[in-house]
Amino acid sequence: MPRPLVRTNQTFIVLSVILAVVTHFYWILLLPILAGLSGILFEKNFIILIAKRFLKKKTSEYVLEDKSDLRFNQIIATVLLSASLISSITNHPILAIIFAAFVFLAASIALSGFCIGCWIHSQLRQYKYRRQVKKGLH
């Protein structure tokens, strides 16, 4: 996936979280949650589909992001944003802020150049690989 589309999605998430926390209207999180779910389930994130119309070059001319990392990150973000919304609905505002803050921080740091979710995903893959190798040796 072209990096500008990934950045657009991250920016949308960051802005949604800021707006939700500042206004205490956590229903705003439904937008990135639904975009995330549509991307996870149908590979059609509507934020990315809208942003794609504004690309100036061919998709192949952009730096591409790893699809499996993007999916992993989207699952985590969608789960945490959902937890934030549910916490808000069930009158647990501190939890709502904490879950939203995790996503905000991860997306903000990713926008500045380091993808925490990608690093976690890489560590998880290495762990699984080492376990498989260890099983094969016994």
N, C-alpha and C. Protein backbone atom coordinates (compact mmCIF):
# COMPACT_ATOMS: atom_id res chain seq x y z
N MET A 1 0.84 -1.17 0.00
CA MET A 1 0.00 0.00 0.00
C MET A 1 0.90 1.24 0.00
N PRO A 2 0.60 2.23 -0.83
CA PRO A 2 1.41 3.44 -0.88
C PRO A 2 1.45 4.18 0.46
N ARG A 3 2.62 4.62 0.83
CA ARG A 3 2.80 5.30 2.11
C ARG A 3 1.86 6.50 2.32
N PRO A 4 1.59 7.33 1.30
CA PRO A 4 0.68 8.45 1.55
C PRO A 4 -0.72 8.00 2.01
N LEU A 5 -1.17 6.85 1.54
CA LEU A 5 -2.48 6.35 1.97
C LEU A 5 -2.43 5.88 3.42
N VAL A 6 -1.33 5.25 3.79
CA VAL A 6 -1.15 4.81 5.17
C VAL A 6 -1.10 6.03 6.09
N ARG A 7 -0.36 7.04 5.68
CA ARG A 7 -0.25 8.27 6.48
C ARG A 7 -1.61 8.97 6.62
N THR A 8 -2.39 8.95 5.56
CA THR A 8 -3.72 9.56 5.62
C THR A 8 -4.58 8.84 6.65
N ASN A 9 -4.54 7.53 6.64
CA ASN A 9 -5.31 6.74 7.61
C ASN A 9 -4.84 7.04 9.04
N GLN A 10 -3.53 7.10 9.24
CA GLN A 10 -2.98 7.39 10.56
C GLN A 10 -3.39 8.79 11.03
N THR A 11 -3.34 9.75 10.12
CA THR A 11 -3.74 11.12 10.45
C THR A 11 -5.22 11.17 10.82
N PHE A 12 -6.03 10.46 10.07
CA PHE A 12 -7.47 10.41 10.36
C PHE A 12 -7.72 9.84 11.76
N ILE A 13 -6.99 8.79 12.10
CA ILE A 13 -7.12 8.18 13.43
C ILE A 13 -6.71 9.17 14.51
N VAL A 14 -5.56 9.83 14.34
CA VAL A 14 -5.07 10.80 15.32
C VAL A 14 -6.09 11.92 15.52
N LEU A 15 -6.58 12.48 14.43
CA LEU A 15 -7.55 13.58 14.54
C LEU A 15 -8.86 13.12 15.17
N SER A 16 -9.30 11.91 14.85
CA SER A 16 -10.53 11.37 15.44
C SER A 16 -10.39 11.20 16.94
N VAL A 17 -9.24 10.69 17.37
CA VAL A 17 -9.01 10.49 18.80
C VAL A 17 -8.96 11.84 19.52
N ILE A 18 -8.26 12.80 18.96
CA ILE A 18 -8.20 14.13 19.58
C ILE A 18 -9.60 14.70 19.73
N LEU A 19 -10.36 14.66 18.65
CA LEU A 19 -11.72 15.20 18.67
C LEU A 19 -12.60 14.47 19.69
N ALA A 20 -12.50 13.16 19.74
CA ALA A 20 -13.32 12.37 20.67
C ALA A 20 -12.98 12.69 22.12
N VAL A 21 -11.70 12.74 22.43
CA VAL A 21 -11.28 12.98 23.82
C VAL A 21 -11.58 14.42 24.25
N VAL A 22 -11.30 15.37 23.38
CA VAL A 22 -11.53 16.78 23.73
C VAL A 22 -13.01 17.09 23.91
N THR A 23 -13.84 16.53 23.04
CA THR A 23 -15.28 16.82 23.11
C THR A 23 -16.04 15.86 24.02
N HIS A 24 -15.39 14.79 24.44
CA HIS A 24 -16.03 13.71 25.22
C HIS A 24 -17.16 13.05 24.42
N PHE A 25 -17.10 13.18 23.12
CA PHE A 25 -18.09 12.55 22.24
C PHE A 25 -17.39 11.39 21.54
N TYR A 26 -17.32 10.26 22.24
CA TYR A 26 -16.56 9.11 21.77
C TYR A 26 -17.20 8.40 20.59
N TRP A 27 -18.43 8.75 20.27
CA TRP A 27 -19.07 8.15 19.09
C TRP A 27 -18.30 8.51 17.82
N ILE A 28 -17.51 9.56 17.87
CA ILE A 28 -16.66 9.94 16.73
C ILE A 28 -15.73 8.78 16.35
N LEU A 29 -15.37 7.99 17.35
CA LEU A 29 -14.46 6.86 17.10
C LEU A 29 -15.09 5.80 16.21
N LEU A 30 -16.40 5.87 16.04
CA LEU A 30 -17.05 4.91 15.13
C LEU A 30 -16.51 5.03 13.72
N LEU A 31 -16.13 6.23 13.31
CA LEU A 31 -15.60 6.41 11.95
C LEU A 31 -14.32 5.61 11.73
N PRO A 32 -13.27 5.81 12.54
CA PRO A 32 -12.07 4.97 12.32
C PRO A 32 -12.31 3.50 12.65
N ILE A 33 -13.23 3.20 13.57
CA ILE A 33 -13.54 1.80 13.87
C ILE A 33 -14.15 1.13 12.64
N LEU A 34 -15.14 1.78 12.04
CA LEU A 34 -15.80 1.21 10.85
C LEU A 34 -14.84 1.15 9.66
N ALA A 35 -13.99 2.17 9.52
CA ALA A 35 -12.99 2.15 8.44
C ALA A 35 -12.03 0.97 8.66
N GLY A 36 -11.63 0.78 9.92
CA GLY A 36 -10.73 -0.33 10.25
C GLY A 36 -11.38 -1.67 10.00
N LEU A 37 -12.62 -1.82 10.46
CA LEU A 37 -13.33 -3.09 10.25
C LEU A 37 -13.51 -3.39 8.76
N SER A 38 -13.85 -2.36 7.98
CA SER A 38 -14.04 -2.60 6.54
C SER A 38 -12.71 -2.99 5.89
N GLY A 39 -11.62 -2.43 6.38
CA GLY A 39 -10.30 -2.81 5.86
C GLY A 39 -9.90 -4.22 6.26
N ILE A 40 -10.19 -4.57 7.52
CA ILE A 40 -9.82 -5.89 8.03
C ILE A 40 -10.67 -6.98 7.37
N LEU A 41 -11.97 -6.77 7.31
CA LEU A 41 -12.88 -7.81 6.82
C LEU A 41 -12.98 -7.88 5.30
N PHE A 42 -12.93 -6.71 4.64
CA PHE A 42 -13.18 -6.67 3.19
C PHE A 42 -12.02 -6.09 2.39
N GLU A 43 -10.94 -5.71 3.08
CA GLU A 43 -9.81 -5.04 2.44
C GLU A 43 -10.24 -3.79 1.68
N LYS A 44 -11.22 -3.08 2.24
CA LYS A 44 -11.75 -1.85 1.64
C LYS A 44 -11.93 -0.78 2.71
N ASN A 45 -10.85 -0.25 3.23
CA ASN A 45 -10.91 0.83 4.21
C ASN A 45 -11.37 2.08 3.48
N PHE A 46 -12.53 2.62 3.87
CA PHE A 46 -13.10 3.73 3.09
C PHE A 46 -12.28 5.02 3.19
N ILE A 47 -11.51 5.20 4.24
CA ILE A 47 -10.63 6.37 4.33
C ILE A 47 -9.54 6.26 3.26
N ILE A 48 -8.98 5.09 3.13
CA ILE A 48 -7.94 4.86 2.13
C ILE A 48 -8.52 4.94 0.72
N LEU A 49 -9.72 4.42 0.52
CA LEU A 49 -10.34 4.50 -0.81
C LEU A 49 -10.59 5.94 -1.22
N ILE A 50 -11.01 6.77 -0.28
CA ILE A 50 -11.23 8.19 -0.59
C ILE A 50 -9.89 8.87 -0.88
N ALA A 51 -8.89 8.61 -0.05
CA ALA A 51 -7.57 9.24 -0.22
C ALA A 51 -6.90 8.81 -1.52
N LYS A 52 -7.17 7.59 -1.94
CA LYS A 52 -6.56 7.05 -3.17
C LYS A 52 -6.87 7.92 -4.38
N ARG A 53 -8.02 8.54 -4.38
CA ARG A 53 -8.42 9.41 -5.50
C ARG A 53 -7.49 10.61 -5.66
N PHE A 54 -6.78 10.97 -4.59
CA PHE A 54 -5.94 12.16 -4.62
C PHE A 54 -4.47 11.86 -4.91
N LEU A 55 -4.13 10.59 -5.11
CA LEU A 55 -2.75 10.26 -5.45
C LEU A 55 -2.40 10.85 -6.82
N LYS A 56 -1.22 11.41 -6.91
CA LYS A 56 -0.81 12.06 -8.16
C LYS A 56 -0.07 11.10 -9.09
N LYS A 57 0.60 10.10 -8.49
CA LYS A 57 1.40 9.16 -9.28
C LYS A 57 0.75 7.78 -9.26
N LYS A 58 1.33 6.88 -10.05
CA LYS A 58 0.89 5.49 -10.01
C LYS A 58 1.24 4.90 -8.66
N THR A 59 0.44 3.94 -8.23
CA THR A 59 0.66 3.29 -6.93
C THR A 59 2.08 2.78 -6.81
N SER A 60 2.61 2.18 -7.86
CA SER A 60 3.94 1.57 -7.82
C SER A 60 5.07 2.59 -7.68
N GLU A 61 4.78 3.87 -7.90
CA GLU A 61 5.81 4.90 -7.82
C GLU A 61 6.02 5.43 -6.40
N TYR A 62 5.18 5.00 -5.48
CA TYR A 62 5.30 5.42 -4.08
C TYR A 62 6.05 4.36 -3.28
N VAL A 63 6.61 4.77 -2.15
CA VAL A 63 7.17 3.81 -1.20
C VAL A 63 5.98 3.00 -0.69
N LEU A 64 6.12 1.67 -0.73
CA LEU A 64 5.01 0.81 -0.33
C LEU A 64 5.22 0.28 1.09
N GLU A 65 4.14 0.17 1.82
CA GLU A 65 4.15 -0.37 3.18
C GLU A 65 3.74 -1.84 3.13
N ASP A 66 4.27 -2.64 4.04
CA ASP A 66 3.98 -4.07 4.10
C ASP A 66 2.52 -4.31 4.48
N LYS A 67 1.84 -5.10 3.68
CA LYS A 67 0.41 -5.35 3.88
C LYS A 67 0.12 -6.09 5.19
N SER A 68 0.97 -7.05 5.55
CA SER A 68 0.71 -7.80 6.78
C SER A 68 0.92 -6.92 8.02
N ASP A 69 1.90 -6.02 7.97
CA ASP A 69 2.08 -5.07 9.08
C ASP A 69 0.88 -4.14 9.20
N LEU A 70 0.40 -3.67 8.06
CA LEU A 70 -0.76 -2.77 8.07
C LEU A 70 -1.98 -3.45 8.66
N ARG A 71 -2.20 -4.69 8.28
CA ARG A 71 -3.35 -5.44 8.80
C ARG A 71 -3.21 -5.65 10.31
N PHE A 72 -2.03 -6.04 10.76
CA PHE A 72 -1.76 -6.22 12.18
C PHE A 72 -2.05 -4.93 12.95
N ASN A 73 -1.52 -3.82 12.46
CA ASN A 73 -1.72 -2.52 13.11
C ASN A 73 -3.19 -2.12 13.12
N GLN A 74 -3.87 -2.38 12.01
CA GLN A 74 -5.28 -2.00 11.91
C GLN A 74 -6.13 -2.79 12.90
N ILE A 75 -5.80 -4.06 13.08
CA ILE A 75 -6.54 -4.89 14.04
C ILE A 75 -6.35 -4.33 15.46
N ILE A 76 -5.10 -4.04 15.82
CA ILE A 76 -4.84 -3.50 17.16
C ILE A 76 -5.56 -2.16 17.35
N ALA A 77 -5.43 -1.26 16.38
CA ALA A 77 -6.07 0.05 16.50
C ALA A 77 -7.58 -0.07 16.61
N THR A 78 -8.18 -0.94 15.81
CA THR A 78 -9.63 -1.11 15.82
C THR A 78 -10.10 -1.69 17.15
N VAL A 79 -9.38 -2.65 17.68
CA VAL A 79 -9.73 -3.24 18.98
C VAL A 79 -9.63 -2.19 20.08
N LEU A 80 -8.53 -1.43 20.10
CA LEU A 80 -8.35 -0.43 21.15
C LEU A 80 -9.34 0.73 21.03
N LEU A 81 -9.63 1.16 19.81
CA LEU A 81 -10.63 2.22 19.64
C LEU A 81 -12.01 1.73 20.05
N SER A 82 -12.30 0.47 19.74
CA SER A 82 -13.58 -0.12 20.18
C SER A 82 -13.64 -0.19 21.70
N ALA A 83 -12.53 -0.57 22.32
CA ALA A 83 -12.48 -0.62 23.79
C ALA A 83 -12.68 0.78 24.37
N SER A 84 -12.14 1.78 23.71
CA SER A 84 -12.32 3.16 24.16
C SER A 84 -13.79 3.57 24.08
N LEU A 85 -14.41 3.27 22.96
CA LEU A 85 -15.83 3.61 22.79
C LEU A 85 -16.70 2.87 23.80
N ILE A 86 -16.46 1.59 23.98
CA ILE A 86 -17.23 0.79 24.94
C ILE A 86 -17.02 1.31 26.36
N SER A 87 -15.79 1.68 26.69
CA SER A 87 -15.51 2.24 28.02
C SER A 87 -16.28 3.53 28.24
N SER A 88 -16.34 4.34 27.21
CA SER A 88 -17.10 5.59 27.30
C SER A 88 -18.59 5.32 27.51
N ILE A 89 -19.12 4.40 26.73
CA ILE A 89 -20.55 4.06 26.81
C ILE A 89 -20.90 3.50 28.19
N THR A 90 -19.99 2.72 28.76
CA THR A 90 -20.25 2.08 30.06
C THR A 90 -19.78 2.95 31.23
N ASN A 91 -19.56 4.23 30.95
CA ASN A 91 -19.23 5.22 31.97
C ASN A 91 -17.91 4.93 32.69
N HIS A 92 -16.90 4.60 31.91
CA HIS A 92 -15.54 4.43 32.42
C HIS A 92 -14.62 5.38 31.65
N PRO A 93 -14.74 6.69 31.91
CA PRO A 93 -14.03 7.68 31.10
C PRO A 93 -12.50 7.57 31.15
N ILE A 94 -11.96 7.16 32.28
CA ILE A 94 -10.49 7.03 32.37
C ILE A 94 -10.01 5.93 31.43
N LEU A 95 -10.71 4.79 31.44
CA LEU A 95 -10.35 3.71 30.51
C LEU A 95 -10.51 4.15 29.06
N ALA A 96 -11.56 4.90 28.78
CA ALA A 96 -11.79 5.40 27.42
C ALA A 96 -10.60 6.23 26.96
N ILE A 97 -10.11 7.09 27.84
CA ILE A 97 -8.96 7.93 27.50
C ILE A 97 -7.70 7.08 27.34
N ILE A 98 -7.50 6.12 28.22
CA ILE A 98 -6.29 5.28 28.16
C ILE A 98 -6.24 4.50 26.84
N PHE A 99 -7.35 3.83 26.48
CA PHE A 99 -7.37 3.07 25.23
C PHE A 99 -7.16 3.98 24.02
N ALA A 100 -7.81 5.14 24.04
CA ALA A 100 -7.65 6.09 22.93
C ALA A 100 -6.22 6.62 22.88
N ALA A 101 -5.62 6.84 24.05
CA ALA A 101 -4.25 7.37 24.11
C ALA A 101 -3.25 6.39 23.52
N PHE A 102 -3.44 5.09 23.76
CA PHE A 102 -2.55 4.09 23.16
C PHE A 102 -2.54 4.22 21.64
N VAL A 103 -3.72 4.33 21.07
CA VAL A 103 -3.83 4.43 19.61
C VAL A 103 -3.25 5.76 19.13
N PHE A 104 -3.58 6.83 19.84
CA PHE A 104 -3.07 8.15 19.50
C PHE A 104 -1.54 8.14 19.48
N LEU A 105 -0.94 7.61 20.52
CA LEU A 105 0.53 7.58 20.60
C LEU A 105 1.14 6.74 19.50
N ALA A 106 0.60 5.55 19.28
CA ALA A 106 1.15 4.67 18.24
C ALA A 106 1.04 5.32 16.86
N ALA A 107 -0.12 5.89 16.55
CA ALA A 107 -0.31 6.52 15.23
C ALA A 107 0.55 7.77 15.09
N SER A 108 0.67 8.55 16.14
CA SER A 108 1.49 9.76 16.10
C SER A 108 2.96 9.42 15.90
N ILE A 109 3.43 8.42 16.63
CA ILE A 109 4.83 8.00 16.49
C ILE A 109 5.06 7.43 15.09
N ALA A 110 4.10 6.68 14.58
CA ALA A 110 4.22 6.14 13.21
C ALA A 110 4.30 7.27 12.20
N LEU A 111 3.53 8.32 12.41
CA LEU A 111 3.58 9.47 11.51
C LEU A 111 4.95 10.16 11.55
N SER A 112 5.63 10.04 12.68
CA SER A 112 6.95 10.67 12.78
C SER A 112 8.07 9.73 12.32
N GLY A 113 7.71 8.50 11.91
CA GLY A 113 8.71 7.66 11.26
C GLY A 113 8.99 6.30 11.88
N PHE A 114 8.51 6.03 13.08
CA PHE A 114 8.76 4.72 13.69
C PHE A 114 7.44 4.02 13.96
N CYS A 115 7.28 2.86 13.35
CA CYS A 115 6.03 2.11 13.49
C CYS A 115 6.16 1.10 14.63
N ILE A 116 5.59 1.45 15.77
CA ILE A 116 5.63 0.56 16.94
C ILE A 116 4.95 -0.77 16.63
N GLY A 117 3.78 -0.70 15.99
CA GLY A 117 3.04 -1.92 15.64
C GLY A 117 3.84 -2.83 14.73
N CYS A 118 4.58 -2.23 13.79
CA CYS A 118 5.41 -3.03 12.87
C CYS A 118 6.52 -3.73 13.65
N TRP A 119 7.11 -3.02 14.61
CA TRP A 119 8.16 -3.60 15.43
C TRP A 119 7.61 -4.75 16.27
N ILE A 120 6.44 -4.55 16.88
CA ILE A 120 5.81 -5.61 17.68
C ILE A 120 5.50 -6.82 16.78
N HIS A 121 4.97 -6.55 15.59
CA HIS A 121 4.64 -7.62 14.65
C HIS A 121 5.90 -8.39 14.26
N SER A 122 6.98 -7.68 14.03
CA SER A 122 8.25 -8.32 13.68
C SER A 122 8.75 -9.21 14.83
N GLN A 123 8.66 -8.71 16.05
CA GLN A 123 9.08 -9.49 17.22
C GLN A 123 8.23 -10.74 17.37
N LEU A 124 6.94 -10.61 17.13
CA LEU A 124 6.01 -11.74 17.23
C LEU A 124 6.35 -12.80 16.18
N ARG A 125 6.63 -12.36 14.95
CA ARG A 125 7.00 -13.30 13.89
C ARG A 125 8.31 -14.02 14.22
N GLN A 126 9.28 -13.28 14.75
CA GLN A 126 10.55 -13.90 15.14
C GLN A 126 10.34 -14.93 16.25
N TYR A 127 9.51 -14.59 17.22
CA TYR A 127 9.20 -15.51 18.32
C TYR A 127 8.57 -16.79 17.78
N LYS A 128 7.59 -16.65 16.88
CA LYS A 128 6.93 -17.82 16.30
C LYS A 128 7.92 -18.67 15.52
N TYR A 129 8.80 -18.01 14.77
CA TYR A 129 9.80 -18.73 13.98
C TYR A 129 10.74 -19.51 14.90
N ARG A 130 11.22 -18.87 15.97
CA ARG A 130 12.12 -19.54 16.90
C ARG A 130 11.45 -20.73 17.56
N ARG A 131 10.17 -20.60 17.88
CA ARG A 131 9.42 -21.72 18.47
C ARG A 131 9.33 -22.89 17.49
N GLN A 132 9.08 -22.59 16.22
CA GLN A 132 8.99 -23.64 15.20
C GLN A 132 10.34 -24.34 15.04
N VAL A 133 11.40 -23.57 15.00
CA VAL A 133 12.74 -24.14 14.85
C VAL A 133 13.06 -25.02 16.05
N LYS A 134 12.73 -24.54 17.24
CA LYS A 134 12.99 -25.30 18.46
C LYS A 134 12.22 -26.61 18.46
N LYS A 135 10.97 -26.58 18.02
CA LYS A 135 10.16 -27.81 17.94
C LYS A 135 10.76 -28.79 16.95
N GLY A 136 11.30 -28.28 15.86
CA GLY A 136 11.90 -29.12 14.83
C GLY A 136 13.18 -29.80 15.29
N LEU A 137 13.86 -29.21 16.27
CA LEU A 137 15.12 -29.78 16.76
C LEU A 137 14.91 -30.88 17.78
N HIS A 138 13.74 -30.95 18.39
CA HIS A 138 13.49 -31.95 19.44
C HIS A 138 12.85 -33.16 18.89
